[in-house]
Amino acid sequence: MCIRDSRKELEKQKTLTKGIMIELKKKLEVSKQISEKLTKTIELAKNETSLKHKDMKLQTKQYATKDNDLKTKIAEKRVDLQKAIKKINSLRTKTKKEAEKLQKEQEKQAEEKTKKEKK
């Protein structure tokens, strides 16, 4: 009986061992799938990060271009403003001179009138 019992026990152990091996293989397969999914997720995250970085670089270039365009426009407007100020100042000077001439002429005419009136 001892031998039969030990054979039965061995058969049970074999069956249990096979069952455990099958379970381990299933778990190994699941862990491989999880590992592959994680690897794919990491790759996607790297690609997304790379794309975001490239997009940010592009936006930075666009902002720099816009900034330079605005600076150029501001410089052009500043030059236009300076020209306008020079024109205004020259017109002021002209009008002052003309006003002085008119005043001198009026003074001369007034002097002449007074001279004529005295005579």
C-alpha atoms as a PDB file:
ATOM      1  CA  MET A   1       0.000   0.000   0.000  1.00  0.00           C
ATOM      2  CA  CYS A   2       2.808   2.285   0.668  1.00  0.00           C
ATOM      3  CA  ILE A   3       4.035   2.125  -2.876  1.00  0.00           C
ATOM      4  CA  ARG A   4       0.531   2.779  -4.252  1.00  0.00           C
ATOM      5  CA  ASP A   5       0.076   5.687  -1.926  1.00  0.00           C
ATOM      6  CA  SER A   6       3.418   7.097  -2.871  1.00  0.00           C
ATOM      7  CA  ARG A   7       2.565   6.664  -6.584  1.00  0.00           C
ATOM      8  CA  LYS A   8      -0.764   8.399  -6.096  1.00  0.00           C
ATOM      9  CA  GLU A   9       1.020  11.128  -4.183  1.00  0.00           C
ATOM     10  CA  LEU A  10       3.546  11.475  -7.005  1.00  0.00           C
ATOM     11  CA  GLU A  11       0.726  11.711  -9.565  1.00  0.00           C
ATOM     12  CA  LYS A  12      -0.950  14.389  -7.475  1.00  0.00           C
ATOM     13  CA  GLN A  13       2.342  16.267  -7.225  1.00  0.00           C
ATOM     14  CA  LYS A  14       2.841  15.996 -11.007  1.00  0.00           C
ATOM     15  CA  THR A  15      -0.651  17.291 -11.666  1.00  0.00           C
ATOM     16  CA  LEU A  16      -0.185  20.126  -9.192  1.00  0.00           C
ATOM     17  CA  THR A  17       3.211  20.934 -10.695  1.00  0.00           C
ATOM     18  CA  LYS A  18       1.714  20.993 -14.216  1.00  0.00           C
ATOM     19  CA  GLY A  19      -1.066  23.243 -12.974  1.00  0.00           C
ATOM     20  CA  ILE A  20       1.430  25.572 -11.318  1.00  0.00           C
ATOM     21  CA  MET A  21       3.567  25.640 -14.493  1.00  0.00           C
ATOM     22  CA  ILE A  22       0.504  26.499 -16.600  1.00  0.00           C
ATOM     23  CA  GLU A  23      -0.400  29.299 -14.178  1.00  0.00           C
ATOM     24  CA  LEU A  24       3.176  30.580 -14.221  1.00  0.00           C
ATOM     25  CA  LYS A  25       3.214  30.538 -18.048  1.00  0.00           C
ATOM     26  CA  LYS A  26      -0.056  32.494 -18.118  1.00  0.00           C
ATOM     27  CA  LYS A  27       1.318  35.036 -15.638  1.00  0.00           C
ATOM     28  CA  LEU A  28       4.532  35.301 -17.639  1.00  0.00           C
ATOM     29  CA  GLU A  29       2.525  35.938 -20.819  1.00  0.00           C
ATOM     30  CA  VAL A  30       0.433  38.589 -19.068  1.00  0.00           C
ATOM     31  CA  SER A  31       3.553  40.276 -17.702  1.00  0.00           C
ATOM     32  CA  LYS A  32       5.085  40.245 -21.222  1.00  0.00           C
ATOM     33  CA  GLN A  33       1.944  41.902 -22.604  1.00  0.00           C
ATOM     34  CA  ILE A  34       2.010  44.502 -19.832  1.00  0.00           C
ATOM     35  CA  SER A  35       5.691  45.141 -20.518  1.00  0.00           C
ATOM     36  CA  GLU A  36       4.993  45.604 -24.253  1.00  0.00           C
ATOM     37  CA  LYS A  37       2.126  47.980 -23.514  1.00  0.00           C
ATOM     38  CA  LEU A  38       4.319  49.991 -21.151  1.00  0.00           C
ATOM     39  CA  THR A  39       7.076  50.132 -23.769  1.00  0.00           C
ATOM     40  CA  LYS A  40       4.600  51.359 -26.382  1.00  0.00           C
ATOM     41  CA  THR A  41       3.198  53.916 -23.925  1.00  0.00           C
ATOM     42  CA  ILE A  42       6.702  55.169 -23.146  1.00  0.00           C
ATOM     43  CA  GLU A  43       7.474  55.476 -26.877  1.00  0.00           C
ATOM     44  CA  LEU A  44       4.235  57.358 -27.470  1.00  0.00           C
ATOM     45  CA  ALA A  45       5.017  59.683 -24.564  1.00  0.00           C
ATOM     46  CA  LYS A  46       8.514  60.304 -25.948  1.00  0.00           C
ATOM     47  CA  ASN A  47       7.082  61.047 -29.398  1.00  0.00           C
ATOM     48  CA  GLU A  48       4.431  63.335 -27.950  1.00  0.00           C
ATOM     49  CA  THR A  49       7.035  65.157 -25.879  1.00  0.00           C
ATOM     50  CA  SER A  50       9.227  65.506 -28.944  1.00  0.00           C
ATOM     51  CA  LEU A  51       6.308  66.862 -30.971  1.00  0.00           C
ATOM     52  CA  LYS A  52       5.412  69.315 -28.204  1.00  0.00           C
ATOM     53  CA  HIS A  53       9.031  70.431 -28.046  1.00  0.00           C
ATOM     54  CA  LYS A  54       9.131  70.956 -31.821  1.00  0.00           C
ATOM     55  CA  ASP A  55       5.822  72.813 -31.668  1.00  0.00           C
ATOM     56  CA  MET A  56       7.117  75.041 -28.891  1.00  0.00           C
ATOM     57  CA  LYS A  57      10.256  75.780 -30.933  1.00  0.00           C
ATOM     58  CA  LEU A  58       8.100  76.666 -33.916  1.00  0.00           C
ATOM     59  CA  GLN A  59       5.903  78.920 -31.791  1.00  0.00           C
ATOM     60  CA  THR A  60       8.983  80.573 -30.340  1.00  0.00           C
ATOM     61  CA  LYS A  61      10.272  81.249 -33.857  1.00  0.00           C
ATOM     62  CA  GLN A  62       6.879  82.622 -34.870  1.00  0.00           C
ATOM     63  CA  TYR A  63       6.774  84.888 -31.821  1.00  0.00           C
ATOM     64  CA  ALA A  64      10.336  86.038 -32.511  1.00  0.00           C
ATOM     65  CA  THR A  65       9.375  86.811 -36.111  1.00  0.00           C
ATOM     66  CA  LYS A  66       6.287  88.720 -34.984  1.00  0.00           C
ATOM     67  CA  ASP A  67       8.381  90.536 -32.385  1.00  0.00           C
ATOM     68  CA  ASN A  68      10.953  91.536 -35.000  1.00  0.00           C
ATOM     69  CA  ASP A  69       8.197  92.659 -37.377  1.00  0.00           C
ATOM     70  CA  LEU A  70       6.666  94.787 -34.638  1.00  0.00           C
ATOM     71  CA  LYS A  71      10.046  96.251 -33.733  1.00  0.00           C
ATOM     72  CA  THR A  72      10.613  97.118 -37.383  1.00  0.00           C
ATOM     73  CA  LYS A  73       7.198  98.751 -37.637  1.00  0.00           C
ATOM     74  CA  ILE A  74       7.827 100.704 -34.435  1.00  0.00           C
ATOM     75  CA  ALA A  75      11.182 101.895 -35.770  1.00  0.00           C
ATOM     76  CA  GLU A  76       9.524 102.955 -39.040  1.00  0.00           C
ATOM     77  CA  LYS A  77       6.781 104.808 -37.171  1.00  0.00           C
ATOM     78  CA  ARG A  78       9.410 106.487 -34.989  1.00  0.00           C
ATOM     79  CA  VAL A  79      11.241 107.707 -38.114  1.00  0.00           C
ATOM     80  CA  ASP A  80       7.940 108.941 -39.596  1.00  0.00           C
ATOM     81  CA  LEU A  81       7.166 110.721 -36.328  1.00  0.00           C
ATOM     82  CA  GLN A  82      10.575 112.389 -36.279  1.00  0.00           C
ATOM     83  CA  LYS A  83      10.057 113.567 -39.866  1.00  0.00           C
ATOM     84  CA  ALA A  84       6.643 114.935 -38.936  1.00  0.00           C
ATOM     85  CA  ILE A  85       8.121 116.758 -35.920  1.00  0.00           C
ATOM     86  CA  LYS A  86      10.825 118.299 -38.136  1.00  0.00           C
ATOM     87  CA  LYS A  87       8.149 119.440 -40.607  1.00  0.00           C
ATOM     88  CA  ILE A  88       6.083 120.936 -37.813  1.00  0.00           C
ATOM     89  CA  ASN A  89       9.117 122.735 -36.387  1.00  0.00           C
ATOM     90  CA  SER A  90      10.097 124.094 -39.796  1.00  0.00           C
ATOM     91  CA  LEU A  91       6.523 125.274 -40.376  1.00  0.00           C
ATOM     92  CA  ARG A  92       6.541 126.957 -36.952  1.00  0.00           C
ATOM     93  CA  THR A  93       9.787 128.694 -37.805  1.00  0.00           C
ATOM     94  CA  LYS A  94       8.377 129.777 -41.170  1.00  0.00           C
ATOM     95  CA  THR A  95       5.197 131.114 -39.650  1.00  0.00           C
ATOM     96  CA  LYS A  96       7.171 132.943 -36.951  1.00  0.00           C
ATOM     97  CA  LYS A  97       9.345 134.573 -39.595  1.00  0.00           C
ATOM     98  CA  GLU A  98       6.325 135.467 -41.686  1.00  0.00           C
ATOM     99  CA  ALA A  99       4.567 136.869 -38.636  1.00  0.00           C
ATOM    100  CA  GLU A 100       7.653 138.934 -37.786  1.00  0.00           C
ATOM    101  CA  LYS A 101       7.808 140.230 -41.378  1.00  0.00           C
ATOM    102  CA  LEU A 102       4.133 141.126 -41.274  1.00  0.00           C
ATOM    103  CA  GLN A 103       4.604 142.858 -37.951  1.00  0.00           C
ATOM    104  CA  LYS A 104       7.591 144.832 -39.274  1.00  0.00           C
ATOM    105  CA  GLU A 105       5.630 145.799 -42.373  1.00  0.00           C
ATOM    106  CA  GLN A 106       2.690 146.882 -40.246  1.00  0.00           C
ATOM    107  CA  GLU A 107       5.037 148.882 -38.029  1.00  0.00           C
ATOM    108  CA  LYS A 108       6.597 150.515 -41.114  1.00  0.00           C
ATOM    109  CA  GLN A 109       3.165 151.301 -42.494  1.00  0.00           C
ATOM    110  CA  ALA A 110       2.125 152.703 -39.139  1.00  0.00           C
ATOM    111  CA  GLU A 111       5.301 154.818 -39.028  1.00  0.00           C
ATOM    112  CA  GLU A 112       4.675 156.037 -42.555  1.00  0.00           C
ATOM    113  CA  LYS A 113       1.113 156.948 -41.639  1.00  0.00           C
ATOM    114  CA  THR A 114       2.274 158.824 -38.619  1.00  0.00           C
ATOM    115  CA  LYS A 115       4.895 160.610 -40.725  1.00  0.00           C
ATOM    116  CA  LYS A 116       2.266 161.492 -43.311  1.00  0.00           C
ATOM    117  CA  GLU A 117      -0.100 162.662 -40.646  1.00  0.00           C
ATOM    118  CA  LYS A 118       2.593 164.851 -39.113  1.00  0.00           C
ATOM    119  CA  LYS A 119       3.280 166.461 -42.466  1.00  0.00           C
END
